[in-house]
PDB file of N, CA and C in Angstrom:
ATOM      1  N   PRO A   1      -6.259  -2.251 -12.740  1.00  0.00           N
ATOM      2  CA  PRO A   1      -5.307  -3.187 -12.164  1.00  0.00           C
ATOM      3  C   PRO A   1      -4.580  -2.505 -10.900  1.00  0.00           C
ATOM      4  N   LEU A   2      -4.040  -3.382 -10.123  1.00  0.00           N
ATOM      5  CA  LEU A   2      -3.551  -2.973  -8.829  1.00  0.00           C
ATOM      6  C   LEU A   2      -2.490  -3.882  -8.407  1.00  0.00           C
ATOM      7  N   SER A   3      -1.270  -3.347  -8.040  1.00  0.00           N
ATOM      8  CA  SER A   3      -0.164  -4.251  -7.643  1.00  0.00           C
ATOM      9  C   SER A   3      -0.105  -4.304  -6.123  1.00  0.00           C
ATOM     10  N   ILE A   4      -0.286  -5.667  -5.592  1.00  0.00           N
ATOM     11  CA  ILE A   4      -0.183  -5.901  -4.195  1.00  0.00           C
ATOM     12  C   ILE A   4       0.749  -6.996  -3.956  1.00  0.00           C
ATOM     13  N   ARG A   5       1.625  -6.742  -3.057  1.00  0.00           N
ATOM     14  CA  ARG A   5       2.547  -7.879  -2.656  1.00  0.00           C
ATOM     15  C   ARG A   5       2.545  -7.997  -1.177  1.00  0.00           C
ATOM     16  N   MET A   6       2.717  -9.238  -0.741  1.00  0.00           N
ATOM     17  CA  MET A   6       2.663  -9.560   0.737  1.00  0.00           C
ATOM     18  C   MET A   6       3.777 -10.463   1.077  1.00  0.00           C
ATOM     19  N   THR A   7       4.322 -10.329   2.195  1.00  0.00           N
ATOM     20  CA  THR A   7       5.420 -11.262   2.614  1.00  0.00           C
ATOM     21  C   THR A   7       5.481 -11.250   4.166  1.00  0.00           C
ATOM     22  N   GLY A   8       5.980 -12.407   4.684  1.00  0.00           N
ATOM     23  CA  GLY A   8       6.204 -12.534   6.112  1.00  0.00           C
ATOM     24  C   GLY A   8       7.678 -12.197   6.460  1.00  0.00           C
ATOM     25  N   CYS A   9       8.403 -11.783   5.357  1.00  0.00           N
ATOM     26  CA  CYS A   9       9.853 -11.596   5.468  1.00  0.00           C
ATOM     27  C   CYS A   9      10.193 -10.089   5.441  1.00  0.00           C
ATOM     28  N   PRO A  10      10.774  -9.563   6.537  1.00  0.00           N
ATOM     29  CA  PRO A  10      11.070  -8.131   6.550  1.00  0.00           C
ATOM     30  C   PRO A  10      12.187  -7.849   5.610  1.00  0.00           C
ATOM     31  N   ASN A  11      12.972  -8.753   5.099  1.00  0.00           N
ATOM     32  CA  ASN A  11      14.032  -8.604   4.082  1.00  0.00           C
ATOM     33  C   ASN A  11      13.525  -8.267   2.698  1.00  0.00           C
ATOM     34  N   GLY A  12      12.268  -8.311   2.436  1.00  0.00           N
ATOM     35  CA  GLY A  12      11.728  -8.017   1.223  1.00  0.00           C
ATOM     36  C   GLY A  12      11.737  -9.069   0.216  1.00  0.00           C
ATOM     37  N   CYS A  13      11.664 -10.360   0.784  1.00  0.00           N
ATOM     38  CA  CYS A  13      11.605 -11.494  -0.160  1.00  0.00           C
ATOM     39  C   CYS A  13      10.587 -11.553  -1.166  1.00  0.00           C
ATOM     40  N   GLY A  14       9.436 -11.040  -0.832  1.00  0.00           N
ATOM     41  CA  GLY A  14       8.289 -11.024  -1.857  1.00  0.00           C
ATOM     42  C   GLY A  14       8.259  -9.630  -2.672  1.00  0.00           C
ATOM     43  N   ARG A  15       9.248  -8.792  -2.544  1.00  0.00           N
ATOM     44  CA  ARG A  15       9.371  -7.497  -3.081  1.00  0.00           C
ATOM     45  C   ARG A  15       8.113  -6.587  -2.785  1.00  0.00           C
ATOM     46  N   PRO A  16       7.722  -6.539  -1.562  1.00  0.00           N
ATOM     47  CA  PRO A  16       6.522  -5.755  -1.212  1.00  0.00           C
ATOM     48  C   PRO A  16       6.857  -4.182  -1.305  1.00  0.00           C
ATOM     49  N   TYR A  17       8.003  -3.886  -1.352  1.00  0.00           N
ATOM     50  CA  TYR A  17       8.387  -2.393  -1.311  1.00  0.00           C
ATOM     51  C   TYR A  17       8.223  -1.838  -2.740  1.00  0.00           C
ATOM     52  N   LEU A  18       7.949  -2.588  -3.664  1.00  0.00           N
ATOM     53  CA  LEU A  18       7.839  -2.210  -5.168  1.00  0.00           C
ATOM     54  C   LEU A  18       6.308  -2.022  -5.566  1.00  0.00           C
ATOM     55  N   ALA A  19       5.389  -2.521  -4.685  1.00  0.00           N
ATOM     56  CA  ALA A  19       3.969  -2.693  -4.973  1.00  0.00           C
ATOM     57  C   ALA A  19       3.205  -1.315  -4.666  1.00  0.00           C
ATOM     58  N   GLU A  20       2.175  -1.070  -5.193  1.00  0.00           N
ATOM     59  CA  GLU A  20       1.279  -0.003  -4.834  1.00  0.00           C
ATOM     60  C   GLU A  20       0.816  -0.197  -3.494  1.00  0.00           C
ATOM     61  N   ILE A  21       0.531  -1.537  -3.024  1.00  0.00           N
ATOM     62  CA  ILE A  21       0.185  -1.766  -1.738  1.00  0.00           C
ATOM     63  C   ILE A  21       1.144  -3.081  -1.261  1.00  0.00           C
ATOM     64  N   GLY A  22       1.871  -2.711  -0.225  1.00  0.00           N
ATOM     65  CA  GLY A  22       2.773  -3.827   0.250  1.00  0.00           C
ATOM     66  C   GLY A  22       2.468  -4.119   1.707  1.00  0.00           C
ATOM     67  N   LEU A  23       2.467  -5.284   2.098  1.00  0.00           N
ATOM     68  CA  LEU A  23       2.227  -5.860   3.397  1.00  0.00           C
ATOM     69  C   LEU A  23       3.402  -6.609   3.860  1.00  0.00           C
ATOM     70  N   VAL A  24       3.977  -6.192   5.054  1.00  0.00           N
ATOM     71  CA  VAL A  24       5.156  -6.947   5.495  1.00  0.00           C
ATOM     72  C   VAL A  24       4.937  -7.381   6.901  1.00  0.00           C
ATOM     73  N   GLY A  25       5.087  -8.764   7.149  1.00  0.00           N
ATOM     74  CA  GLY A  25       4.779  -9.246   8.432  1.00  0.00           C
ATOM     75  C   GLY A  25       5.827  -8.882   9.447  1.00  0.00           C
ATOM     76  N   ARG A  26       5.286  -8.407  10.628  1.00  0.00           N
ATOM     77  CA  ARG A  26       6.149  -8.110  11.722  1.00  0.00           C
ATOM     78  C   ARG A  26       6.119  -9.120  12.829  1.00  0.00           C
ATOM     79  N   SER A  27       4.842  -9.601  13.116  1.00  0.00           N
ATOM     80  CA  SER A  27       4.788 -10.582  14.106  1.00  0.00           C
ATOM     81  C   SER A  27       3.472 -11.444  13.841  1.00  0.00           C
ATOM     82  N   LEU A  28       3.106 -12.282  14.543  1.00  0.00           N
ATOM     83  CA  LEU A  28       1.999 -13.214  14.274  1.00  0.00           C
ATOM     84  C   LEU A  28       0.661 -12.310  14.127  1.00  0.00           C
ATOM     85  N   GLY A  29       0.155 -12.300  12.852  1.00  0.00           N
ATOM     86  CA  GLY A  29      -1.048 -11.527  12.613  1.00  0.00           C
ATOM     87  C   GLY A  29      -0.889 -10.086  12.543  1.00  0.00           C
ATOM     88  N   LYS A  30       0.249  -9.569  12.526  1.00  0.00           N
ATOM     89  CA  LYS A  30       0.545  -8.073  12.509  1.00  0.00           C
ATOM     90  C   LYS A  30       1.370  -7.771  11.226  1.00  0.00           C
ATOM     91  N   TYR A  31       1.069  -6.677  10.529  1.00  0.00           N
ATOM     92  CA  TYR A  31       1.733  -6.361   9.262  1.00  0.00           C
ATOM     93  C   TYR A  31       1.945  -4.831   9.254  1.00  0.00           C
ATOM     94  N   ASP A  32       2.947  -4.474   8.540  1.00  0.00           N
ATOM     95  CA  ASP A  32       3.117  -2.999   8.260  1.00  0.00           C
ATOM     96  C   ASP A  32       2.538  -2.812   6.883  1.00  0.00           C
ATOM     97  N   LEU A  33       1.712  -1.673   6.788  1.00  0.00           N
ATOM     98  CA  LEU A  33       1.110  -1.391   5.482  1.00  0.00           C
ATOM     99  C   LEU A  33       1.968  -0.373   4.759  1.00  0.00           C
ATOM    100  N   HIS A  34       2.404  -0.682   3.594  1.00  0.00           N
ATOM    101  CA  HIS A  34       3.160   0.241   2.805  1.00  0.00           C
ATOM    102  C   HIS A  34       2.307   0.657   1.580  1.00  0.00           C
ATOM    103  N   LEU A  35       2.478   1.910   1.309  1.00  0.00           N
ATOM    104  CA  LEU A  35       1.625   2.439   0.166  1.00  0.00           C
ATOM    105  C   LEU A  35       2.361   3.397  -0.772  1.00  0.00           C
ATOM    106  N   GLY A  36       1.918   3.549  -2.010  1.00  0.00           N
ATOM    107  CA  GLY A  36       2.438   4.552  -2.898  1.00  0.00           C
ATOM    108  C   GLY A  36       3.572   4.180  -3.758  1.00  0.00           C
ATOM    109  N   GLY A  37       3.764   2.913  -3.883  1.00  0.00           N
ATOM    110  CA  GLY A  37       4.748   2.464  -5.026  1.00  0.00           C
ATOM    111  C   GLY A  37       3.955   2.707  -6.344  1.00  0.00           C
ATOM    112  N   ASP A  38       4.755   2.833  -7.445  1.00  0.00           N
ATOM    113  CA  ASP A  38       3.943   3.062  -8.750  1.00  0.00           C
ATOM    114  C   ASP A  38       3.619   1.625  -9.299  1.00  0.00           C
ATOM    115  N   HIS A  39       2.699   1.673 -10.171  1.00  0.00           N
ATOM    116  CA  HIS A  39       2.240   0.398 -10.783  1.00  0.00           C
ATOM    117  C   HIS A  39       3.220  -0.419 -11.571  1.00  0.00           C
ATOM    118  N   PHE A  40       4.251   0.273 -12.013  1.00  0.00           N
ATOM    119  CA  PHE A  40       5.309  -0.497 -12.781  1.00  0.00           C
ATOM    120  C   PHE A  40       6.490  -0.925 -11.934  1.00  0.00           C
ATOM    121  N   GLY A  41       6.647  -0.706 -10.670  1.00  0.00           N
ATOM    122  CA  GLY A  41       7.614  -1.110  -9.882  1.00  0.00           C
ATOM    123  C   GLY A  41       8.948  -0.277  -9.911  1.00  0.00           C
ATOM    124  N   GLU A  42       8.673   0.990 -10.406  1.00  0.00           N
ATOM    125  CA  GLU A  42       9.809   1.948 -10.450  1.00  0.00           C
ATOM    126  C   GLU A  42       9.930   2.950  -9.391  1.00  0.00           C
ATOM    127  N   ARG A  43       8.937   3.055  -8.434  1.00  0.00           N
ATOM    128  CA  ARG A  43       9.053   3.908  -7.251  1.00  0.00           C
ATOM    129  C   ARG A  43       8.671   2.902  -6.072  1.00  0.00           C
ATOM    130  N   LEU A  44       9.582   3.152  -5.072  1.00  0.00           N
ATOM    131  CA  LEU A  44       9.320   2.436  -3.834  1.00  0.00           C
ATOM    132  C   LEU A  44       8.205   3.035  -3.113  1.00  0.00           C
ATOM    133  N   ASN A  45       7.449   2.121  -2.322  1.00  0.00           N
ATOM    134  CA  ASN A  45       6.340   2.666  -1.506  1.00  0.00           C
ATOM    135  C   ASN A  45       7.039   3.117  -0.200  1.00  0.00           C
ATOM    136  N   GLN A  46       6.017   3.686   0.622  1.00  0.00           N
ATOM    137  CA  GLN A  46       6.458   4.210   1.877  1.00  0.00           C
ATOM    138  C   GLN A  46       5.616   3.659   3.006  1.00  0.00           C
ATOM    139  N   ILE A  47       6.171   3.470   4.198  1.00  0.00           N
ATOM    140  CA  ILE A  47       5.415   2.847   5.202  1.00  0.00           C
ATOM    141  C   ILE A  47       4.264   3.901   5.627  1.00  0.00           C
ATOM    142  N   TYR A  48       3.134   3.340   5.696  1.00  0.00           N
ATOM    143  CA  TYR A  48       1.832   4.093   5.943  1.00  0.00           C
ATOM    144  C   TYR A  48       1.417   3.999   7.454  1.00  0.00           C
ATOM    145  N   LYS A  49       1.316   2.658   7.771  1.00  0.00           N
ATOM    146  CA  LYS A  49       0.966   2.276   9.235  1.00  0.00           C
ATOM    147  C   LYS A  49       1.603   1.104   9.594  1.00  0.00           C
ATOM    148  N   GLU A  50       1.865   1.000  10.955  1.00  0.00           N
ATOM    149  CA  GLU A  50       2.660  -0.200  11.407  1.00  0.00           C
ATOM    150  C   GLU A  50       1.808  -1.067  12.221  1.00  0.00           C
ATOM    151  N   GLN A  51       2.143  -2.321  12.325  1.00  0.00           N
ATOM    152  CA  GLN A  51       1.661  -3.320  13.248  1.00  0.00           C
ATOM    153  C   GLN A  51       0.084  -3.357  13.207  1.00  0.00           C
ATOM    154  N   LEU A  52      -0.455  -3.565  12.007  1.00  0.00           N
ATOM    155  CA  LEU A  52      -1.873  -3.580  11.897  1.00  0.00           C
ATOM    156  C   LEU A  52      -2.365  -5.046  11.806  1.00  0.00           C
ATOM    157  N   GLY A  53      -3.508  -5.346  12.400  1.00  0.00           N
ATOM    158  CA  GLY A  53      -4.129  -6.726  12.269  1.00  0.00           C
ATOM    159  C   GLY A  53      -4.973  -6.763  10.964  1.00  0.00           C
ATOM    160  N   GLU A  54      -5.549  -7.768  10.682  1.00  0.00           N
ATOM    161  CA  GLU A  54      -6.257  -7.988   9.422  1.00  0.00           C
ATOM    162  C   GLU A  54      -7.429  -6.951   9.316  1.00  0.00           C
ATOM    163  N   ASP A  55      -8.231  -6.881  10.375  1.00  0.00           N
ATOM    164  CA  ASP A  55      -9.370  -5.951  10.393  1.00  0.00           C
ATOM    165  C   ASP A  55      -8.902  -4.437  10.145  1.00  0.00           C
ATOM    166  N   GLU A  56      -7.883  -4.112  10.717  1.00  0.00           N
ATOM    167  CA  GLU A  56      -7.308  -2.773  10.676  1.00  0.00           C
ATOM    168  C   GLU A  56      -6.829  -2.574   9.162  1.00  0.00           C
ATOM    169  N   ILE A  57      -6.219  -3.445   8.592  1.00  0.00           N
ATOM    170  CA  ILE A  57      -5.767  -3.309   7.249  1.00  0.00           C
ATOM    171  C   ILE A  57      -6.826  -3.167   6.330  1.00  0.00           C
ATOM    172  N   LEU A  58      -7.920  -4.025   6.481  1.00  0.00           N
ATOM    173  CA  LEU A  58      -9.073  -3.956   5.569  1.00  0.00           C
ATOM    174  C   LEU A  58      -9.773  -2.637   5.738  1.00  0.00           C
ATOM    175  N   SER A  59      -9.915  -2.111   7.016  1.00  0.00           N
ATOM    176  CA  SER A  59     -10.702  -0.882   7.317  1.00  0.00           C
ATOM    177  C   SER A  59      -9.760   0.253   6.572  1.00  0.00           C
ATOM    178  N   GLU A  60      -8.501   0.275   6.763  1.00  0.00           N
ATOM    179  CA  GLU A  60      -7.654   1.440   6.124  1.00  0.00           C
ATOM    180  C   GLU A  60      -7.818   1.323   4.746  1.00  0.00           C
ATOM    181  N   LEU A  61      -7.682   0.265   4.053  1.00  0.00           N
ATOM    182  CA  LEU A  61      -7.773   0.040   2.562  1.00  0.00           C
ATOM    183  C   LEU A  61      -9.117   0.410   2.054  1.00  0.00           C
ATOM    184  N   ASP A  62     -10.216   0.104   2.762  1.00  0.00           N
ATOM    185  CA  ASP A  62     -11.548   0.436   2.395  1.00  0.00           C
ATOM    186  C   ASP A  62     -11.680   1.958   2.342  1.00  0.00           C
ATOM    187  N   SER A  63     -11.179   2.604   3.336  1.00  0.00           N
ATOM    188  CA  SER A  63     -11.304   4.155   3.323  1.00  0.00           C
ATOM    189  C   SER A  63     -10.529   4.724   2.187  1.00  0.00           C
ATOM    190  N   LEU A  64      -9.329   4.180   1.931  1.00  0.00           N
ATOM    191  CA  LEU A  64      -8.485   4.746   0.890  1.00  0.00           C
ATOM    192  C   LEU A  64      -9.076   4.389  -0.478  1.00  0.00           C
ATOM    193  N   PHE A  65      -9.710   3.293  -0.685  1.00  0.00           N
ATOM    194  CA  PHE A  65     -10.233   2.967  -1.921  1.00  0.00           C
ATOM    195  C   PHE A  65     -11.516   3.959  -2.168  1.00  0.00           C
ATOM    196  N   LEU A  66     -12.193   4.201  -1.219  1.00  0.00           N
ATOM    197  CA  LEU A  66     -13.442   5.208  -1.220  1.00  0.00           C
ATOM    198  C   LEU A  66     -12.884   6.467  -1.699  1.00  0.00           C
ATOM    199  N   ILE A  67     -11.812   7.008  -1.165  1.00  0.00           N
ATOM    200  CA  ILE A  67     -11.278   8.394  -1.507  1.00  0.00           C
ATOM    201  C   ILE A  67     -10.763   8.289  -2.953  1.00  0.00           C
ATOM    202  N   TYR A  68     -10.032   7.158  -3.247  1.00  0.00           N
ATOM    203  CA  TYR A  68      -9.583   6.988  -4.610  1.00  0.00           C
ATOM    204  C   TYR A  68     -10.652   6.994  -5.637  1.00  0.00           C
ATOM    205  N   ALA A  69     -11.767   6.200  -5.401  1.00  0.00           N
ATOM    206  CA  ALA A  69     -12.827   6.102  -6.375  1.00  0.00           C
ATOM    207  C   ALA A  69     -13.440   7.488  -6.506  1.00  0.00           C
ATOM    208  N   LYS A  70     -13.517   8.273  -5.524  1.00  0.00           N
ATOM    209  CA  LYS A  70     -14.098   9.665  -5.652  1.00  0.00           C
ATOM    210  C   LYS A  70     -13.310  10.709  -6.260  1.00  0.00           C
ATOM    211  N   GLU A  71     -11.994  10.649  -5.981  1.00  0.00           N
ATOM    212  CA  GLU A  71     -11.170  11.868  -6.350  1.00  0.00           C
ATOM    213  C   GLU A  71     -10.086  11.589  -7.394  1.00  0.00           C
ATOM    214  N   ARG A  72      -9.883  10.329  -7.824  1.00  0.00           N
ATOM    215  CA  ARG A  72      -8.803  10.065  -8.823  1.00  0.00           C
ATOM    216  C   ARG A  72      -9.054  10.740 -10.151  1.00  0.00           C
ATOM    217  N   GLN A  73      -7.910  11.014 -10.819  1.00  0.00           N
ATOM    218  CA  GLN A  73      -7.949  11.480 -12.242  1.00  0.00           C
ATOM    219  C   GLN A  73      -8.196  10.252 -13.197  1.00  0.00           C
ATOM    220  N   GLU A  74      -8.757  10.574 -14.314  1.00  0.00           N
ATOM    221  CA  GLU A  74      -8.927   9.475 -15.234  1.00  0.00           C
ATOM    222  C   GLU A  74      -7.630   8.764 -15.646  1.00  0.00           C
ATOM    223  N   ASN A  75      -7.654   7.450 -15.628  1.00  0.00           N
ATOM    224  CA  ASN A  75      -6.392   6.587 -15.832  1.00  0.00           C
ATOM    225  C   ASN A  75      -5.275   6.678 -14.778  1.00  0.00           C
ATOM    226  N   GLU A  76      -5.606   7.232 -13.566  1.00  0.00           N
ATOM    227  CA  GLU A  76      -4.677   7.424 -12.528  1.00  0.00           C
ATOM    228  C   GLU A  76      -4.584   6.066 -11.780  1.00  0.00           C
ATOM    229  N   TYR A  77      -3.342   5.591 -11.607  1.00  0.00           N
ATOM    230  CA  TYR A  77      -3.220   4.321 -10.795  1.00  0.00           C
ATOM    231  C   TYR A  77      -3.310   4.659  -9.365  1.00  0.00           C
ATOM    232  N   PHE A  78      -3.758   3.692  -8.537  1.00  0.00           N
ATOM    233  CA  PHE A  78      -3.882   3.815  -7.121  1.00  0.00           C
ATOM    234  C   PHE A  78      -2.574   4.191  -6.423  1.00  0.00           C
ATOM    235  N   GLY A  79      -1.441   3.655  -6.844  1.00  0.00           N
ATOM    236  CA  GLY A  79      -0.138   4.058  -6.218  1.00  0.00           C
ATOM    237  C   GLY A  79       0.189   5.546  -6.349  1.00  0.00           C
ATOM    238  N   ASP A  80      -0.038   5.874  -7.653  1.00  0.00           N
ATOM    239  CA  ASP A  80       0.220   7.452  -7.897  1.00  0.00           C
ATOM    240  C   ASP A  80      -0.709   8.322  -7.114  1.00  0.00           C
ATOM    241  N   PHE A  81      -1.942   7.986  -7.177  1.00  0.00           N
ATOM    242  CA  PHE A  81      -2.939   8.785  -6.333  1.00  0.00           C
ATOM    243  C   PHE A  81      -2.511   8.863  -4.872  1.00  0.00           C
ATOM    244  N   ILE A  82      -2.249   7.727  -4.255  1.00  0.00           N
ATOM    245  CA  ILE A  82      -1.891   7.684  -2.893  1.00  0.00           C
ATOM    246  C   ILE A  82      -0.559   8.457  -2.739  1.00  0.00           C
ATOM    247  N   PHE A  83       0.409   8.314  -3.509  1.00  0.00           N
ATOM    248  CA  PHE A  83       1.638   9.129  -3.324  1.00  0.00           C
ATOM    249  C   PHE A  83       1.422  10.542  -3.454  1.00  0.00           C
ATOM    250  N   ASN A  84       0.662  10.959  -4.409  1.00  0.00           N
ATOM    251  CA  ASN A  84       0.509  12.404  -4.668  1.00  0.00           C
ATOM    252  C   ASN A  84      -0.569  13.049  -3.736  1.00  0.00           C
ATOM    253  N   GLN A  85      -1.607  12.312  -3.260  1.00  0.00           N
ATOM    254  CA  GLN A  85      -2.729  12.986  -2.538  1.00  0.00           C
ATOM    255  C   GLN A  85      -2.654  12.643  -0.976  1.00  0.00           C
ATOM    256  N   ILE A  86      -2.042  11.651  -0.580  1.00  0.00           N
ATOM    257  CA  ILE A  86      -2.029  11.106   0.816  1.00  0.00           C
ATOM    258  C   ILE A  86      -0.560  11.255   1.371  1.00  0.00           C
ATOM    259  N   LEU A  87       0.348  10.796   0.765  1.00  0.00           N
ATOM    260  CA  LEU A  87       1.677  10.662   1.399  1.00  0.00           C
ATOM    261  C   LEU A  87       2.493  11.941   1.280  1.00  0.00           C
ATOM    262  N   THR A  88       2.321  12.770   0.298  1.00  0.00           N
ATOM    263  CA  THR A  88       3.094  13.995   0.245  1.00  0.00           C
ATOM    264  C   THR A  88       2.447  15.264   0.838  1.00  0.00           C
ATOM    265  N   LYS A  89       1.347  14.947   1.460  1.00  0.00           N
ATOM    266  CA  LYS A  89       0.635  16.181   2.047  1.00  0.00           C
ATOM    267  C   LYS A  89       0.868  16.228   3.475  1.00  0.00           C
TER     268      LYS A  89
END
């Protein structure tokens, strides 16, 4: 399972800041990609990249999913992996 939240509202109306993957609309077709929240909504995610279009978002996530699939620990959630292996290094 993976928690994903997306909103067009920068005020957090869809609670994207609590998800493992959060997308926050910035302008027409552009989103900020937030990563690293925990699966249970107890840790806020962090901004990873700003002002990405759909193709850029998909490319970033494809790359991260590949790393996650190869390097994760057994039963490790995506948000925990990203937080520990990508965001804190």
